[in-house]
Every structure is written in structure tokens, then in C-alpha cells.
Amino acid sequence: MKLLAKLVTENNGQGLTEYGLVLGLLAVAAAGALLLAGQRVVQLYTDSNTAIPD
């Protein structure tokens, strides 16, 4: 029981955990942005490619 109380009240490693959570959030946001913008980029490339005469 003392170990559980020590884990709850101890602050060691808190900064590293917060950095990990922020990094994870940024990774999810970047993946979401790529998924949303990916199709638009492909469509823009396709439109540009068809507009250029051979």
C-alpha cells in the first residue's frame, strides 16, 4: 500500500510523461492533417497533370 501512495504523490518523471503526451498528440494531429489534405494534394496533382498538354 505504501508503494501505491508513493507512486501517487511522487513527481519524478512527470515532465517526461507530459512531453510524451504532447508528442503523441502532435503525432495524431499530423496524421489527421495528412489524411485530410492527402486527397486534395492528389487531386491537385492530377488536375495539373491533365491540364499540361503532352
Protein backbone atom coordinates (compact mmCIF):
# COMPACT_ATOMS: atom_id res chain seq x y z
CA MET A 1 0.00 0.00 0.00
CA LYS A 2 2.93 2.33 0.71
CA LEU A 3 4.19 1.79 -2.84
CA LEU A 4 0.86 2.89 -4.30
CA ALA A 5 0.80 6.01 -2.12
CA LYS A 6 4.37 6.81 -3.12
CA LEU A 7 3.54 6.45 -6.84
CA VAL A 8 0.56 8.78 -6.50
CA THR A 9 2.42 11.52 -4.62
CA GLU A 10 5.84 11.32 -6.29
CA ASN A 11 6.60 13.84 -9.05
CA ASN A 12 9.67 12.20 -10.60
CA GLY A 13 9.15 11.54 -14.28
CA GLN A 14 6.18 13.87 -14.55
CA GLY A 15 7.88 16.13 -17.12
CA LEU A 16 8.84 13.20 -19.32
CA THR A 17 5.29 11.90 -19.22
CA GLU A 18 3.92 15.29 -20.21
CA TYR A 19 6.37 15.54 -23.12
CA GLY A 20 5.32 12.07 -24.23
CA LEU A 21 1.65 13.02 -24.15
CA VAL A 22 2.28 16.22 -26.12
CA LEU A 23 4.36 14.29 -28.67
CA GLY A 24 1.60 11.72 -29.03
CA LEU A 25 -1.00 14.45 -29.53
CA LEU A 26 1.15 16.12 -32.19
CA ALA A 27 1.61 12.81 -33.99
CA VAL A 28 -2.14 12.19 -34.06
CA ALA A 29 -2.79 15.74 -35.28
CA ALA A 30 -0.16 15.42 -38.02
CA ALA A 31 -1.58 12.10 -39.17
CA GLY A 32 -5.07 13.58 -39.26
CA ALA A 33 -3.88 16.59 -41.25
CA LEU A 34 -2.16 14.32 -43.76
CA LEU A 35 -5.27 12.22 -44.14
CA LEU A 36 -7.45 15.28 -44.69
CA ALA A 37 -5.08 17.07 -47.06
CA GLY A 38 -3.82 13.97 -48.85
CA GLN A 39 -6.74 13.60 -51.23
CA ARG A 40 -6.67 17.30 -52.08
CA VAL A 41 -2.98 17.12 -52.96
CA VAL A 42 -3.56 14.07 -55.14
CA GLN A 43 -6.47 15.80 -56.90
CA LEU A 44 -4.40 18.95 -57.44
CA TYR A 45 -1.56 16.92 -58.93
CA THR A 46 -3.97 15.00 -61.18
CA ASP A 47 -5.66 18.19 -62.38
CA SER A 48 -2.30 19.81 -63.08
CA ASN A 49 -1.07 16.77 -64.92
CA THR A 50 -4.13 16.60 -67.18
CA ALA A 51 -4.04 20.35 -67.89
CA ILE A 52 -0.50 20.20 -69.26
CA PRO A 53 -0.58 19.17 -72.93
CA ASP A 54 1.64 16.30 -73.99
